[in-house]
Amino acid sequence: MTGILEGKRILITGVLMESSIAFHTARLAQEQGAEIILTAFPRPSLTERIAKKLPNPVQVLELDVSSAEQLDGIADKVREHLPTLDGIVHSIGFAPQDALGGNFLDTPWESVATAMHVSAYSFKSLTTALLPLMQDGGSVVGLTFDAQFAWPQYDWMGPAKAALESTNRYLARYLGARDIRCNLVSAGPIGSMAAKSIPGFPDLAATWDTRSPLKWDLTDPEPAGRGVVALLSDWFPKTTGEIVHVDGGLHAIGA
């Protein structure tokens, strides 16, 4: 049976742990017929070790999305392994510790700027750096955490995700003429490395125990990975600028 990504070439960021959405996206993409390449920072060796658990061998490239120099060279590095790309997965987010955990009112601009740069602006800068490899169109998919609410402890990652969601809409506007679709998956909480770096994460995640219409499993990143793979495929040929919620339906439920 042919997979929904058969023949496609996809670059995936953010594979740090087997528990991550990015890892399950990579696994599912390979199972659905895609050739993939991974980028990693700051420890490519960690990603290389985790990547050995994927169905097929995969190349890992170092990429710091906050480095203009590395972004300038990433298309050439990818081209050494894959001649073109059909898709990009942006699974990158970071905020310094003083931008999280209830410190919202006292966070200095320098920390806010870091969160915005890595978590939101990099969606644009990574995409434009790889445009030379996407001459025949394609799909760009990022990961967000519903920015319409002010979540406990999430603090400046909330505005950073709101900026990401707006950036997605503008990318969709400007890249539509190139037949490049830009969408986000808004996933429910997953017990990944990124989540564990958020002080008070269990309190945030507990919201899903009482409000999610569908039972939510913090240990299961596969539903979100399936959402990403679906958006990478040709089954959403005219969908762009969208946020697809894979959160058990919590976004639709009032208090």
C-alpha atoms as a PDB file:
ATOM      1  CA  MET A   1       0.000   0.000   0.000  1.00  0.00           C
ATOM      2  CA  THR A   2       1.415   3.398  -0.995  1.00  0.00           C
ATOM      3  CA  GLY A   3       1.984   5.850   1.849  1.00  0.00           C
ATOM      4  CA  ILE A   4       0.590   9.385   1.780  1.00  0.00           C
ATOM      5  CA  LEU A   5       4.119  10.834   1.653  1.00  0.00           C
ATOM      6  CA  GLU A   6       5.471   8.458  -0.988  1.00  0.00           C
ATOM      7  CA  GLY A   7       8.274  10.129  -2.942  1.00  0.00           C
ATOM      8  CA  LYS A   8       8.361  13.264  -0.809  1.00  0.00           C
ATOM      9  CA  ARG A   9      11.465  14.737   0.803  1.00  0.00           C
ATOM     10  CA  ILE A  10      11.010  16.342   4.208  1.00  0.00           C
ATOM     11  CA  LEU A  11      13.306  18.270   6.550  1.00  0.00           C
ATOM     12  CA  ILE A  12      12.379  17.886  10.218  1.00  0.00           C
ATOM     13  CA  THR A  13      13.724  19.916  13.141  1.00  0.00           C
ATOM     14  CA  GLY A  14      13.461  19.278  16.861  1.00  0.00           C
ATOM     15  CA  VAL A  15      14.068  15.529  17.218  1.00  0.00           C
ATOM     16  CA  LEU A  16      15.587  15.513  20.699  1.00  0.00           C
ATOM     17  CA  MET A  17      13.843  12.657  22.486  1.00  0.00           C
ATOM     18  CA  GLU A  18      11.826   9.610  21.522  1.00  0.00           C
ATOM     19  CA  SER A  19       8.942  11.174  23.443  1.00  0.00           C
ATOM     20  CA  SER A  20       8.848  14.254  21.205  1.00  0.00           C
ATOM     21  CA  ILE A  21       6.234  15.059  18.573  1.00  0.00           C
ATOM     22  CA  ALA A  22       9.094  15.639  16.119  1.00  0.00           C
ATOM     23  CA  PHE A  23      10.412  12.093  16.577  1.00  0.00           C
ATOM     24  CA  HIS A  24       6.999  10.559  15.942  1.00  0.00           C
ATOM     25  CA  THR A  25       6.516  12.844  12.949  1.00  0.00           C
ATOM     26  CA  ALA A  26       9.830  11.582  11.551  1.00  0.00           C
ATOM     27  CA  ARG A  27       8.888   7.951  12.179  1.00  0.00           C
ATOM     28  CA  LEU A  28       5.458   8.312  10.614  1.00  0.00           C
ATOM     29  CA  ALA A  29       6.874  10.246   7.653  1.00  0.00           C
ATOM     30  CA  GLN A  30       9.289   7.411   6.900  1.00  0.00           C
ATOM     31  CA  GLU A  31       6.537   4.824   7.327  1.00  0.00           C
ATOM     32  CA  GLN A  32       4.423   6.814   4.863  1.00  0.00           C
ATOM     33  CA  GLY A  33       7.150   6.751   2.212  1.00  0.00           C
ATOM     34  CA  ALA A  34       9.095   9.991   2.715  1.00  0.00           C
ATOM     35  CA  GLU A  35      12.831  10.530   2.622  1.00  0.00           C
ATOM     36  CA  ILE A  36      13.741  12.720   5.572  1.00  0.00           C
ATOM     37  CA  ILE A  37      16.649  14.721   6.869  1.00  0.00           C
ATOM     38  CA  LEU A  38      16.963  16.052  10.419  1.00  0.00           C
ATOM     39  CA  THR A  39      18.502  19.204  11.856  1.00  0.00           C
ATOM     40  CA  ALA A  40      19.591  19.549  15.448  1.00  0.00           C
ATOM     41  CA  PHE A  41      20.948  22.047  17.961  1.00  0.00           C
ATOM     42  CA  PRO A  42      22.782  22.305  20.316  1.00  0.00           C
ATOM     43  CA  ARG A  43      23.695  18.590  20.461  1.00  0.00           C
ATOM     44  CA  PRO A  44      23.519  16.866  17.074  1.00  0.00           C
ATOM     45  CA  SER A  45      25.040  13.767  18.654  1.00  0.00           C
ATOM     46  CA  LEU A  46      21.929  13.394  20.834  1.00  0.00           C
ATOM     47  CA  THR A  47      19.688  13.541  17.776  1.00  0.00           C
ATOM     48  CA  GLU A  48      21.920  11.086  15.919  1.00  0.00           C
ATOM     49  CA  ARG A  49      21.521   8.624  18.789  1.00  0.00           C
ATOM     50  CA  ILE A  50      17.732   9.022  18.898  1.00  0.00           C
ATOM     51  CA  ALA A  51      17.522   8.829  15.090  1.00  0.00           C
ATOM     52  CA  LYS A  52      18.854   5.279  15.209  1.00  0.00           C
ATOM     53  CA  LYS A  53      15.423   4.282  16.539  1.00  0.00           C
ATOM     54  CA  LEU A  54      13.746   5.426  13.322  1.00  0.00           C
ATOM     55  CA  PRO A  55      12.745   2.804  10.725  1.00  0.00           C
ATOM     56  CA  ASN A  56      15.417   3.963   8.233  1.00  0.00           C
ATOM     57  CA  PRO A  57      18.847   5.617   8.559  1.00  0.00           C
ATOM     58  CA  VAL A  58      18.764   9.398   8.364  1.00  0.00           C
ATOM     59  CA  GLN A  59      21.281  12.219   8.025  1.00  0.00           C
ATOM     60  CA  VAL A  60      21.500  14.778  10.852  1.00  0.00           C
ATOM     61  CA  LEU A  61      22.737  18.314  10.182  1.00  0.00           C
ATOM     62  CA  GLU A  62      23.636  20.870  12.832  1.00  0.00           C
ATOM     63  CA  LEU A  63      21.524  24.024  12.587  1.00  0.00           C
ATOM     64  CA  ASP A  64      21.155  26.893  15.044  1.00  0.00           C
ATOM     65  CA  VAL A  65      18.126  28.784  13.710  1.00  0.00           C
ATOM     66  CA  SER A  66      19.275  31.935  15.511  1.00  0.00           C
ATOM     67  CA  SER A  67      22.508  31.963  13.456  1.00  0.00           C
ATOM     68  CA  ALA A  68      22.234  33.870  10.173  1.00  0.00           C
ATOM     69  CA  GLU A  69      25.481  32.264   9.025  1.00  0.00           C
ATOM     70  CA  GLN A  70      24.191  28.724   9.541  1.00  0.00           C
ATOM     71  CA  LEU A  71      20.858  29.550   7.910  1.00  0.00           C
ATOM     72  CA  ASP A  72      22.670  30.999   4.894  1.00  0.00           C
ATOM     73  CA  GLY A  73      24.437  27.675   4.363  1.00  0.00           C
ATOM     74  CA  ILE A  74      21.692  25.193   5.226  1.00  0.00           C
ATOM     75  CA  ALA A  75      20.246  24.819   1.701  1.00  0.00           C
ATOM     76  CA  ASP A  76      23.639  23.802   0.307  1.00  0.00           C
ATOM     77  CA  LYS A  77      24.169  21.322   3.152  1.00  0.00           C
ATOM     78  CA  VAL A  78      20.767  19.746   2.608  1.00  0.00           C
ATOM     79  CA  ARG A  79      21.380  19.580  -1.156  1.00  0.00           C
ATOM     80  CA  GLU A  80      24.375  17.292  -0.524  1.00  0.00           C
ATOM     81  CA  HIS A  81      21.883  14.657   0.675  1.00  0.00           C
ATOM     82  CA  LEU A  82      18.533  15.594  -0.874  1.00  0.00           C
ATOM     83  CA  PRO A  83      18.315  17.536  -4.157  1.00  0.00           C
ATOM     84  CA  THR A  84      14.950  19.111  -3.349  1.00  0.00           C
ATOM     85  CA  LEU A  85      12.450  19.417  -0.508  1.00  0.00           C
ATOM     86  CA  ASP A  86       8.693  18.972  -0.486  1.00  0.00           C
ATOM     87  CA  GLY A  87       8.178  19.810   3.161  1.00  0.00           C
ATOM     88  CA  ILE A  88       9.583  21.420   6.307  1.00  0.00           C
ATOM     89  CA  VAL A  89       8.626  20.669   9.909  1.00  0.00           C
ATOM     90  CA  HIS A  90       9.365  23.435  12.409  1.00  0.00           C
ATOM     91  CA  SER A  91       9.365  21.908  15.884  1.00  0.00           C
ATOM     92  CA  ILE A  92      11.482  24.511  17.663  1.00  0.00           C
ATOM     93  CA  GLY A  93      10.725  26.542  20.746  1.00  0.00           C
ATOM     94  CA  PHE A  94      12.817  28.010  23.532  1.00  0.00           C
ATOM     95  CA  ALA A  95      12.534  30.580  26.295  1.00  0.00           C
ATOM     96  CA  PRO A  96      15.089  31.300  29.021  1.00  0.00           C
ATOM     97  CA  GLN A  97      14.049  30.169  32.478  1.00  0.00           C
ATOM     98  CA  ASP A  98      13.415  33.730  33.635  1.00  0.00           C
ATOM     99  CA  ALA A  99      10.728  34.032  30.936  1.00  0.00           C
ATOM    100  CA  LEU A 100       8.698  31.155  32.436  1.00  0.00           C
ATOM    101  CA  GLY A 101       7.251  29.975  35.717  1.00  0.00           C
ATOM    102  CA  GLY A 102       5.307  33.030  36.901  1.00  0.00           C
ATOM    103  CA  ASN A 103       8.013  35.576  36.170  1.00  0.00           C
ATOM    104  CA  PHE A 104       6.056  37.325  33.385  1.00  0.00           C
ATOM    105  CA  LEU A 105       6.069  40.817  34.919  1.00  0.00           C
ATOM    106  CA  ASP A 106       9.800  40.772  35.662  1.00  0.00           C
ATOM    107  CA  THR A 107      11.233  39.113  32.547  1.00  0.00           C
ATOM    108  CA  PRO A 108      13.858  41.352  30.877  1.00  0.00           C
ATOM    109  CA  TRP A 109      13.592  42.194  27.191  1.00  0.00           C
ATOM    110  CA  GLU A 110      16.707  40.202  26.356  1.00  0.00           C
ATOM    111  CA  SER A 111      14.991  36.986  27.459  1.00  0.00           C
ATOM    112  CA  VAL A 112      11.750  37.912  25.701  1.00  0.00           C
ATOM    113  CA  ALA A 113      13.707  38.651  22.517  1.00  0.00           C
ATOM    114  CA  THR A 114      15.356  35.222  22.677  1.00  0.00           C
ATOM    115  CA  ALA A 115      11.976  33.509  23.046  1.00  0.00           C
ATOM    116  CA  MET A 116      10.538  35.451  20.112  1.00  0.00           C
ATOM    117  CA  HIS A 117      13.560  34.868  17.881  1.00  0.00           C
ATOM    118  CA  VAL A 118      13.877  31.128  18.428  1.00  0.00           C
ATOM    119  CA  SER A 119      10.188  30.265  18.777  1.00  0.00           C
ATOM    120  CA  ALA A 120       8.536  32.547  16.196  1.00  0.00           C
ATOM    121  CA  TYR A 121      10.883  34.394  13.852  1.00  0.00           C
ATOM    122  CA  SER A 122      12.757  31.174  13.075  1.00  0.00           C
ATOM    123  CA  PHE A 123       9.616  29.800  11.418  1.00  0.00           C
ATOM    124  CA  LYS A 124      10.085  32.470   8.765  1.00  0.00           C
ATOM    125  CA  SER A 125      13.879  32.411   8.636  1.00  0.00           C
ATOM    126  CA  LEU A 126      14.098  28.600   8.348  1.00  0.00           C
ATOM    127  CA  THR A 127      11.459  28.536   5.625  1.00  0.00           C
ATOM    128  CA  THR A 128      13.046  31.285   3.534  1.00  0.00           C
ATOM    129  CA  ALA A 129      16.502  29.712   3.934  1.00  0.00           C
ATOM    130  CA  LEU A 130      15.153  26.507   2.368  1.00  0.00           C
ATOM    131  CA  LEU A 131      13.064  28.097  -0.395  1.00  0.00           C
ATOM    132  CA  PRO A 132      15.739  27.359  -3.047  1.00  0.00           C
ATOM    133  CA  LEU A 133      14.970  23.655  -2.521  1.00  0.00           C
ATOM    134  CA  MET A 134      11.193  24.089  -2.868  1.00  0.00           C
ATOM    135  CA  GLN A 135      10.871  25.248  -6.472  1.00  0.00           C
ATOM    136  CA  ASP A 136       7.864  22.992  -7.093  1.00  0.00           C
ATOM    137  CA  GLY A 137       5.875  24.057  -4.049  1.00  0.00           C
ATOM    138  CA  GLY A 138       5.355  22.067  -0.889  1.00  0.00           C
ATOM    139  CA  SER A 139       4.170  22.221   2.697  1.00  0.00           C
ATOM    140  CA  VAL A 140       5.577  23.892   5.812  1.00  0.00           C
ATOM    141  CA  VAL A 141       4.193  22.760   9.172  1.00  0.00           C
ATOM    142  CA  GLY A 142       4.970  24.186  12.603  1.00  0.00           C
ATOM    143  CA  LEU A 143       3.909  23.266  16.121  1.00  0.00           C
ATOM    144  CA  THR A 144       2.136  25.640  18.469  1.00  0.00           C
ATOM    145  CA  PHE A 145       0.413  25.562  21.849  1.00  0.00           C
ATOM    146  CA  ASP A 146      -2.922  27.366  21.761  1.00  0.00           C
ATOM    147  CA  ALA A 147      -2.066  31.063  22.103  1.00  0.00           C
ATOM    148  CA  GLN A 148      -5.624  32.308  22.635  1.00  0.00           C
ATOM    149  CA  PHE A 149      -5.271  31.646  26.370  1.00  0.00           C
ATOM    150  CA  ALA A 150      -2.916  32.871  29.084  1.00  0.00           C
ATOM    151  CA  TRP A 151      -1.734  29.534  30.479  1.00  0.00           C
ATOM    152  CA  PRO A 152      -0.352  29.213  34.024  1.00  0.00           C
ATOM    153  CA  GLN A 153       3.466  29.205  34.153  1.00  0.00           C
ATOM    154  CA  TYR A 154       3.783  29.440  30.345  1.00  0.00           C
ATOM    155  CA  ASP A 155       4.377  33.183  30.488  1.00  0.00           C
ATOM    156  CA  TRP A 156       6.426  34.604  27.576  1.00  0.00           C
ATOM    157  CA  MET A 157       6.163  31.421  25.550  1.00  0.00           C
ATOM    158  CA  GLY A 158       2.497  32.382  25.160  1.00  0.00           C
ATOM    159  CA  PRO A 159       3.202  35.652  23.315  1.00  0.00           C
ATOM    160  CA  ALA A 160       5.946  33.840  21.376  1.00  0.00           C
ATOM    161  CA  LYS A 161       3.419  31.234  20.206  1.00  0.00           C
ATOM    162  CA  ALA A 162       0.970  34.010  19.341  1.00  0.00           C
ATOM    163  CA  ALA A 163       3.710  35.555  17.201  1.00  0.00           C
ATOM    164  CA  LEU A 164       4.323  32.145  15.616  1.00  0.00           C
ATOM    165  CA  GLU A 165       0.643  31.817  14.755  1.00  0.00           C
ATOM    166  CA  SER A 166       0.606  35.263  13.155  1.00  0.00           C
ATOM    167  CA  THR A 167       3.860  34.538  11.313  1.00  0.00           C
ATOM    168  CA  ASN A 168       2.225  31.417   9.886  1.00  0.00           C
ATOM    169  CA  ARG A 169      -0.603  33.481   8.416  1.00  0.00           C
ATOM    170  CA  TYR A 170       1.807  35.941   6.805  1.00  0.00           C
ATOM    171  CA  LEU A 171       3.962  33.144   5.394  1.00  0.00           C
ATOM    172  CA  ALA A 172       0.813  31.636   3.899  1.00  0.00           C
ATOM    173  CA  ARG A 173       0.009  35.007   2.338  1.00  0.00           C
ATOM    174  CA  TYR A 174       3.424  35.508   0.771  1.00  0.00           C
ATOM    175  CA  LEU A 175       4.227  31.933  -0.251  1.00  0.00           C
ATOM    176  CA  GLY A 176       0.889  30.942  -1.748  1.00  0.00           C
ATOM    177  CA  ALA A 177       2.006  32.186  -5.155  1.00  0.00           C
ATOM    178  CA  ARG A 178       4.817  29.613  -4.982  1.00  0.00           C
ATOM    179  CA  ASP A 179       2.305  26.855  -4.183  1.00  0.00           C
ATOM    180  CA  ILE A 180       3.766  26.494  -0.675  1.00  0.00           C
ATOM    181  CA  ARG A 181       1.230  25.813   2.076  1.00  0.00           C
ATOM    182  CA  CYS A 182       1.969  26.983   5.636  1.00  0.00           C
ATOM    183  CA  ASN A 183       0.050  25.524   8.559  1.00  0.00           C
ATOM    184  CA  LEU A 184       0.381  24.803  12.269  1.00  0.00           C
ATOM    185  CA  VAL A 185      -0.636  21.917  14.490  1.00  0.00           C
ATOM    186  CA  SER A 186      -1.782  23.078  17.911  1.00  0.00           C
ATOM    187  CA  ALA A 187      -1.066  20.063  20.085  1.00  0.00           C
ATOM    188  CA  GLY A 188      -2.186  19.317  23.594  1.00  0.00           C
ATOM    189  CA  PRO A 189       0.488  18.944  26.290  1.00  0.00           C
ATOM    190  CA  ILE A 190       3.047  16.170  25.850  1.00  0.00           C
ATOM    191  CA  GLY A 191       5.589  15.120  28.475  1.00  0.00           C
ATOM    192  CA  SER A 192       8.554  16.002  26.246  1.00  0.00           C
ATOM    193  CA  MET A 193      11.869  17.667  27.015  1.00  0.00           C
ATOM    194  CA  ALA A 194      10.379  21.061  26.108  1.00  0.00           C
ATOM    195  CA  ALA A 195       7.476  20.529  28.486  1.00  0.00           C
ATOM    196  CA  LYS A 196       9.701  19.448  31.340  1.00  0.00           C
ATOM    197  CA  SER A 197      11.583  22.749  31.060  1.00  0.00           C
ATOM    198  CA  ILE A 198       8.397  24.653  31.972  1.00  0.00           C
ATOM    199  CA  PRO A 199       8.084  25.184  35.744  1.00  0.00           C
ATOM    200  CA  GLY A 200       4.681  24.010  36.950  1.00  0.00           C
ATOM    201  CA  PHE A 201       3.966  22.027  33.787  1.00  0.00           C
ATOM    202  CA  PRO A 202       1.882  19.397  35.660  1.00  0.00           C
ATOM    203  CA  ASP A 203      -0.550  22.138  36.771  1.00  0.00           C
ATOM    204  CA  LEU A 204      -0.946  23.314  33.181  1.00  0.00           C
ATOM    205  CA  ALA A 205      -1.409  19.803  31.838  1.00  0.00           C
ATOM    206  CA  ALA A 206      -3.988  18.955  34.511  1.00  0.00           C
ATOM    207  CA  THR A 207      -6.471  21.164  32.646  1.00  0.00           C
ATOM    208  CA  TRP A 208      -6.864  18.312  30.127  1.00  0.00           C
ATOM    209  CA  ASP A 209      -7.981  15.915  32.874  1.00  0.00           C
ATOM    210  CA  THR A 210     -11.230  17.797  33.404  1.00  0.00           C
ATOM    211  CA  ARG A 211     -11.930  19.791  30.221  1.00  0.00           C
ATOM    212  CA  SER A 212     -10.834  17.726  27.231  1.00  0.00           C
ATOM    213  CA  PRO A 213     -13.828  16.074  25.464  1.00  0.00           C
ATOM    214  CA  LEU A 214     -11.579  13.280  24.211  1.00  0.00           C
ATOM    215  CA  LYS A 215      -9.363  11.550  26.740  1.00  0.00           C
ATOM    216  CA  TRP A 216      -5.862  13.017  26.485  1.00  0.00           C
ATOM    217  CA  ASP A 217      -2.677  11.015  27.052  1.00  0.00           C
ATOM    218  CA  LEU A 218       0.404  13.053  28.012  1.00  0.00           C
ATOM    219  CA  THR A 219       2.638  10.146  27.037  1.00  0.00           C
ATOM    220  CA  ASP A 220       1.340   9.748  23.468  1.00  0.00           C
ATOM    221  CA  PRO A 221       2.793  12.174  20.874  1.00  0.00           C
ATOM    222  CA  GLU A 222       1.547  10.117  17.909  1.00  0.00           C
ATOM    223  CA  PRO A 223      -1.800  11.920  17.372  1.00  0.00           C
ATOM    224  CA  ALA A 224       0.021  15.229  16.921  1.00  0.00           C
ATOM    225  CA  GLY A 225       2.588  13.556  14.667  1.00  0.00           C
ATOM    226  CA  ARG A 226      -0.237  12.191  12.518  1.00  0.00           C
ATOM    227  CA  GLY A 227      -1.636  15.694  12.203  1.00  0.00           C
ATOM    228  CA  VAL A 228       1.712  17.023  10.994  1.00  0.00           C
ATOM    229  CA  VAL A 229       2.122  14.204   8.468  1.00  0.00           C
ATOM    230  CA  ALA A 230      -1.395  14.777   7.141  1.00  0.00           C
ATOM    231  CA  LEU A 231      -0.635  18.459   6.530  1.00  0.00           C
ATOM    232  CA  LEU A 232       2.621  17.515   4.782  1.00  0.00           C
ATOM    233  CA  SER A 233       0.691  15.274   2.421  1.00  0.00           C
ATOM    234  CA  ASP A 234      -1.342  16.133  -0.669  1.00  0.00           C
ATOM    235  CA  TRP A 235      -4.587  15.455   1.213  1.00  0.00           C
ATOM    236  CA  PHE A 236      -4.754  19.157   2.183  1.00  0.00           C
ATOM    237  CA  PRO A 237      -3.967  20.704  -1.223  1.00  0.00           C
ATOM    238  CA  LYS A 238      -5.805  23.998  -0.652  1.00  0.00           C
ATOM    239  CA  THR A 239      -5.366  24.479   3.089  1.00  0.00           C
ATOM    240  CA  THR A 240      -2.949  27.192   4.207  1.00  0.00           C
ATOM    241  CA  GLY A 241      -2.692  29.721   7.015  1.00  0.00           C
ATOM    242  CA  GLU A 242      -4.559  27.242   9.199  1.00  0.00           C
ATOM    243  CA  ILE A 243      -4.156  25.983  12.768  1.00  0.00           C
ATOM    244  CA  VAL A 244      -5.255  22.358  13.130  1.00  0.00           C
ATOM    245  CA  HIS A 245      -5.969  21.485  16.749  1.00  0.00           C
ATOM    246  CA  VAL A 246      -4.868  18.072  17.931  1.00  0.00           C
ATOM    247  CA  ASP A 247      -5.689  18.647  21.576  1.00  0.00           C
ATOM    248  CA  GLY A 248      -8.581  16.335  22.363  1.00  0.00           C
ATOM    249  CA  GLY A 249     -10.978  19.177  21.555  1.00  0.00           C
ATOM    250  CA  LEU A 250     -10.157  21.296  24.602  1.00  0.00           C
ATOM    251  CA  HIS A 251      -9.823  24.463  22.512  1.00  0.00           C
ATOM    252  CA  ALA A 252     -13.545  24.296  21.732  1.00  0.00           C
ATOM    253  CA  ILE A 253     -14.756  23.915  25.319  1.00  0.00           C
ATOM    254  CA  GLY A 254     -15.613  26.769  27.707  1.00  0.00           C
ATOM    255  CA  ALA A 255     -14.630  26.914  31.352  1.00  0.00           C
END
